[in-house]
PDB file of N, CA and C in Angstrom:
ATOM      1  N   MET A   1       7.682 -16.576   2.860  1.00  0.00           N
ATOM      2  CA  MET A   1       7.523 -14.341   3.085  1.00  0.00           C
ATOM      3  C   MET A   1       6.671 -13.504   1.977  1.00  0.00           C
ATOM      4  N   ARG A   2       6.526 -12.145   2.058  1.00  0.00           N
ATOM      5  CA  ARG A   2       5.545 -11.837   1.560  1.00  0.00           C
ATOM      6  C   ARG A   2       6.988 -11.204   0.681  1.00  0.00           C
ATOM      7  N   LYS A   3       6.347 -10.934   0.001  1.00  0.00           N
ATOM      8  CA  LYS A   3       7.668  -9.351  -0.939  1.00  0.00           C
ATOM      9  C   LYS A   3       6.882  -8.657  -1.047  1.00  0.00           C
ATOM     10  N   GLY A   4       7.470  -7.078  -1.392  1.00  0.00           N
ATOM     11  CA  GLY A   4       7.119  -6.129  -1.259  1.00  0.00           C
ATOM     12  C   GLY A   4       5.622  -5.952  -2.281  1.00  0.00           C
ATOM     13  N   SER A   5       6.413  -6.469  -3.383  1.00  0.00           N
ATOM     14  CA  SER A   5       6.192  -6.598  -5.041  1.00  0.00           C
ATOM     15  C   SER A   5       5.040  -7.162  -4.763  1.00  0.00           C
ATOM     16  N   ASP A   6       4.353  -7.880  -4.154  1.00  0.00           N
ATOM     17  CA  ASP A   6       3.055  -8.930  -4.357  1.00  0.00           C
ATOM     18  C   ASP A   6       1.640  -7.691  -3.234  1.00  0.00           C
ATOM     19  N   VAL A   7       2.197  -6.529  -3.044  1.00  0.00           N
ATOM     20  CA  VAL A   7       1.217  -5.512  -2.728  1.00  0.00           C
ATOM     21  C   VAL A   7       1.315  -4.354  -3.718  1.00  0.00           C
ATOM     22  N   ILE A   8       2.165  -4.511  -4.219  1.00  0.00           N
ATOM     23  CA  ILE A   8       1.836  -3.096  -5.450  1.00  0.00           C
ATOM     24  C   ILE A   8       1.179  -3.675  -6.346  1.00  0.00           C
ATOM     25  N   GLY A   9       0.144  -2.316  -6.468  1.00  0.00           N
ATOM     26  CA  GLY A   9      -0.827  -2.644  -7.334  1.00  0.00           C
ATOM     27  C   GLY A   9      -2.359  -3.007  -7.015  1.00  0.00           C
ATOM     28  N   LYS A  10      -2.482  -3.437  -5.595  1.00  0.00           N
ATOM     29  CA  LYS A  10      -4.024  -4.220  -4.680  1.00  0.00           C
ATOM     30  C   LYS A  10      -4.665  -2.637  -4.357  1.00  0.00           C
ATOM     31  N   PRO A  11      -6.193  -2.684  -4.073  1.00  0.00           N
ATOM     32  CA  PRO A  11      -6.621  -2.246  -4.156  1.00  0.00           C
ATOM     33  C   PRO A  11      -6.215  -1.002  -2.474  1.00  0.00           C
ATOM     34  N   VAL A  12      -6.602  -0.294  -1.796  1.00  0.00           N
ATOM     35  CA  VAL A  12      -6.683   0.439  -0.784  1.00  0.00           C
ATOM     36  C   VAL A  12      -7.799   0.607  -0.390  1.00  0.00           C
ATOM     37  N   VAL A  13      -8.417  -0.254   0.593  1.00  0.00           N
ATOM     38  CA  VAL A  13     -10.080   0.124   0.745  1.00  0.00           C
ATOM     39  C   VAL A  13     -10.676   0.750   1.984  1.00  0.00           C
ATOM     40  N   SER A  14     -11.069   1.512   2.197  1.00  0.00           N
ATOM     41  CA  SER A  14     -11.907   2.169   3.652  1.00  0.00           C
ATOM     42  C   SER A  14     -12.875   1.123   4.573  1.00  0.00           C
ATOM     43  N   TYR A  15     -11.872   0.937   5.495  1.00  0.00           N
ATOM     44  CA  TYR A  15     -12.477  -0.411   6.353  1.00  0.00           C
ATOM     45  C   TYR A  15     -14.274  -0.358   6.695  1.00  0.00           C
ATOM     46  N   ASP A  16     -14.198   1.064   6.739  1.00  0.00           N
ATOM     47  CA  ASP A  16     -15.575   1.537   7.268  1.00  0.00           C
ATOM     48  C   ASP A  16     -16.911   1.148   6.124  1.00  0.00           C
ATOM     49  N   THR A  17     -16.478   1.983   5.558  1.00  0.00           N
ATOM     50  CA  THR A  17     -17.166   1.502   3.996  1.00  0.00           C
ATOM     51  C   THR A  17     -17.188   0.465   2.724  1.00  0.00           C
ATOM     52  N   GLY A  18     -16.421   0.134   2.729  1.00  0.00           N
ATOM     53  CA  GLY A  18     -15.800  -0.318   1.454  1.00  0.00           C
ATOM     54  C   GLY A  18     -15.510  -0.415   0.709  1.00  0.00           C
ATOM     55  N   ASP A  19     -15.265   0.675   0.519  1.00  0.00           N
ATOM     56  CA  ASP A  19     -14.897   2.104  -0.996  1.00  0.00           C
ATOM     57  C   ASP A  19     -14.093   1.839  -0.737  1.00  0.00           C
ATOM     58  N   ARG A  20     -13.419   1.446  -2.752  1.00  0.00           N
ATOM     59  CA  ARG A  20     -11.606   2.440  -3.076  1.00  0.00           C
ATOM     60  C   ARG A  20     -11.308   3.237  -3.188  1.00  0.00           C
ATOM     61  N   PHE A  21     -10.381   3.740  -3.034  1.00  0.00           N
ATOM     62  CA  PHE A  21     -10.154   5.033  -3.258  1.00  0.00           C
ATOM     63  C   PHE A  21      -8.939   5.366  -3.630  1.00  0.00           C
ATOM     64  N   ALA A  22      -7.894   4.361  -3.623  1.00  0.00           N
ATOM     65  CA  ALA A  22      -6.207   4.280  -4.063  1.00  0.00           C
ATOM     66  C   ALA A  22      -6.001   3.081  -4.303  1.00  0.00           C
ATOM     67  N   ARG A  23      -4.855   2.615  -5.096  1.00  0.00           N
ATOM     68  CA  ARG A  23      -3.942   1.638  -5.159  1.00  0.00           C
ATOM     69  C   ARG A  23      -2.351   2.054  -4.839  1.00  0.00           C
ATOM     70  N   VAL A  24      -2.011   0.364  -4.388  1.00  0.00           N
ATOM     71  CA  VAL A  24      -0.536   0.682  -3.390  1.00  0.00           C
ATOM     72  C   VAL A  24       0.565   0.956  -4.637  1.00  0.00           C
ATOM     73  N   LYS A  25       0.671   2.141  -4.616  1.00  0.00           N
ATOM     74  CA  LYS A  25       2.432   2.391  -5.892  1.00  0.00           C
ATOM     75  C   LYS A  25       3.705   1.496  -5.134  1.00  0.00           C
ATOM     76  N   ASP A  26       3.723   2.240  -4.100  1.00  0.00           N
ATOM     77  CA  ASP A  26       5.493   1.126  -3.872  1.00  0.00           C
ATOM     78  C   ASP A  26       5.002   1.132  -2.074  1.00  0.00           C
ATOM     79  N   VAL A  27       6.329   0.476  -1.708  1.00  0.00           N
ATOM     80  CA  VAL A  27       6.189   0.331   0.134  1.00  0.00           C
ATOM     81  C   VAL A  27       7.588   0.359   0.463  1.00  0.00           C
ATOM     82  N   ILE A  28       7.658   1.108   0.967  1.00  0.00           N
ATOM     83  CA  ILE A  28       8.325   1.233   2.146  1.00  0.00           C
ATOM     84  C   ILE A  28       8.635   0.978   3.076  1.00  0.00           C
ATOM     85  N   PHE A  29      10.248   0.229   3.362  1.00  0.00           N
ATOM     86  CA  PHE A  29      10.552  -0.361   4.819  1.00  0.00           C
ATOM     87  C   PHE A  29      11.747  -0.069   5.360  1.00  0.00           C
ATOM     88  N   ASP A  30      12.088   0.117   6.718  1.00  0.00           N
ATOM     89  CA  ASP A  30      12.923   0.340   7.679  1.00  0.00           C
ATOM     90  C   ASP A  30      13.826  -0.331   7.028  1.00  0.00           C
ATOM     91  N   GLN A  31      15.128  -0.182   6.767  1.00  0.00           N
ATOM     92  CA  GLN A  31      15.944  -0.884   6.734  1.00  0.00           C
ATOM     93  C   GLN A  31      17.215  -1.702   7.771  1.00  0.00           C
ATOM     94  N   ASN A  32      16.889  -1.225   8.752  1.00  0.00           N
ATOM     95  CA  ASN A  32      17.486  -2.048  10.484  1.00  0.00           C
ATOM     96  C   ASN A  32      16.655  -3.114  10.595  1.00  0.00           C
ATOM     97  N   THR A  33      15.346  -2.803  10.772  1.00  0.00           N
ATOM     98  CA  THR A  33      14.117  -3.541  11.176  1.00  0.00           C
ATOM     99  C   THR A  33      13.236  -4.355   9.981  1.00  0.00           C
ATOM    100  N   ASP A  34      13.702  -3.895   9.085  1.00  0.00           N
ATOM    101  CA  ASP A  34      12.983  -5.222   7.227  1.00  0.00           C
ATOM    102  C   ASP A  34      11.325  -5.306   7.760  1.00  0.00           C
ATOM    103  N   GLN A  35      11.183  -3.845   8.258  1.00  0.00           N
ATOM    104  CA  GLN A  35       9.443  -3.982   8.428  1.00  0.00           C
ATOM    105  C   GLN A  35       8.919  -2.723   7.791  1.00  0.00           C
ATOM    106  N   VAL A  36       7.611  -3.147   7.513  1.00  0.00           N
ATOM    107  CA  VAL A  36       6.752  -2.267   7.010  1.00  0.00           C
ATOM    108  C   VAL A  36       7.069  -1.386   7.632  1.00  0.00           C
ATOM    109  N   VAL A  37       7.132   0.192   7.362  1.00  0.00           N
ATOM    110  CA  VAL A  37       6.856   1.495   7.452  1.00  0.00           C
ATOM    111  C   VAL A  37       5.227   2.412   7.124  1.00  0.00           C
ATOM    112  N   ALA A  38       5.863   2.507   5.810  1.00  0.00           N
ATOM    113  CA  ALA A  38       4.720   2.842   4.723  1.00  0.00           C
ATOM    114  C   ALA A  38       4.494   3.017   3.739  1.00  0.00           C
ATOM    115  N   PHE A  39       2.824   3.139   3.384  1.00  0.00           N
ATOM    116  CA  PHE A  39       2.665   2.745   1.627  1.00  0.00           C
ATOM    117  C   PHE A  39       2.435   4.026   0.963  1.00  0.00           C
ATOM    118  N   LEU A  40       2.769   3.801  -0.468  1.00  0.00           N
ATOM    119  CA  LEU A  40       3.112   4.981  -1.144  1.00  0.00           C
ATOM    120  C   LEU A  40       1.847   4.962  -2.127  1.00  0.00           C
ATOM    121  N   ILE A  41       0.701   5.269  -2.316  1.00  0.00           N
ATOM    122  CA  ILE A  41      -0.444   5.198  -2.550  1.00  0.00           C
ATOM    123  C   ILE A  41      -0.551   6.033  -4.551  1.00  0.00           C
ATOM    124  N   GLU A  42      -1.693   5.457  -5.106  1.00  0.00           N
ATOM    125  CA  GLU A  42      -1.735   6.574  -6.178  1.00  0.00           C
ATOM    126  C   GLU A  42      -3.464   6.779  -6.236  1.00  0.00           C
ATOM    127  N   GLU A  43      -3.024   8.078  -5.744  1.00  0.00           N
ATOM    128  CA  GLU A  43      -5.245   8.376  -5.591  1.00  0.00           C
ATOM    129  C   GLU A  43      -5.668   8.373  -6.858  1.00  0.00           C
ATOM    130  N   SER A  44      -6.830   8.039  -6.723  1.00  0.00           N
ATOM    131  CA  SER A  44      -7.702   8.649  -7.485  1.00  0.00           C
ATOM    132  C   SER A  44      -8.475   9.653  -8.203  1.00  0.00           C
ATOM    133  N   GLY A  45      -8.772  10.301  -9.069  1.00  0.00           N
ATOM    134  CA  GLY A  45      -9.358  11.384  -8.973  1.00  0.00           C
ATOM    135  C   GLY A  45      -8.908  12.674  -9.061  1.00  0.00           C
ATOM    136  N   PHE A  46      -7.861  12.811  -9.184  1.00  0.00           N
ATOM    137  CA  PHE A  46      -7.163  14.327  -9.396  1.00  0.00           C
ATOM    138  C   PHE A  46      -6.890  14.686 -11.115  1.00  0.00           C
TER     139      PHE A  46
END
């Protein structure tokens, strides 16, 4: 079983080009189903 903390800090990569454009800041879970709903990301370049 993976934990949400395993994903935090990992790069977000474009599927098409392979460019890295963000990092995972947090993981949002559905409390009823324990499924991942979304990733909160830190965008670079701002």
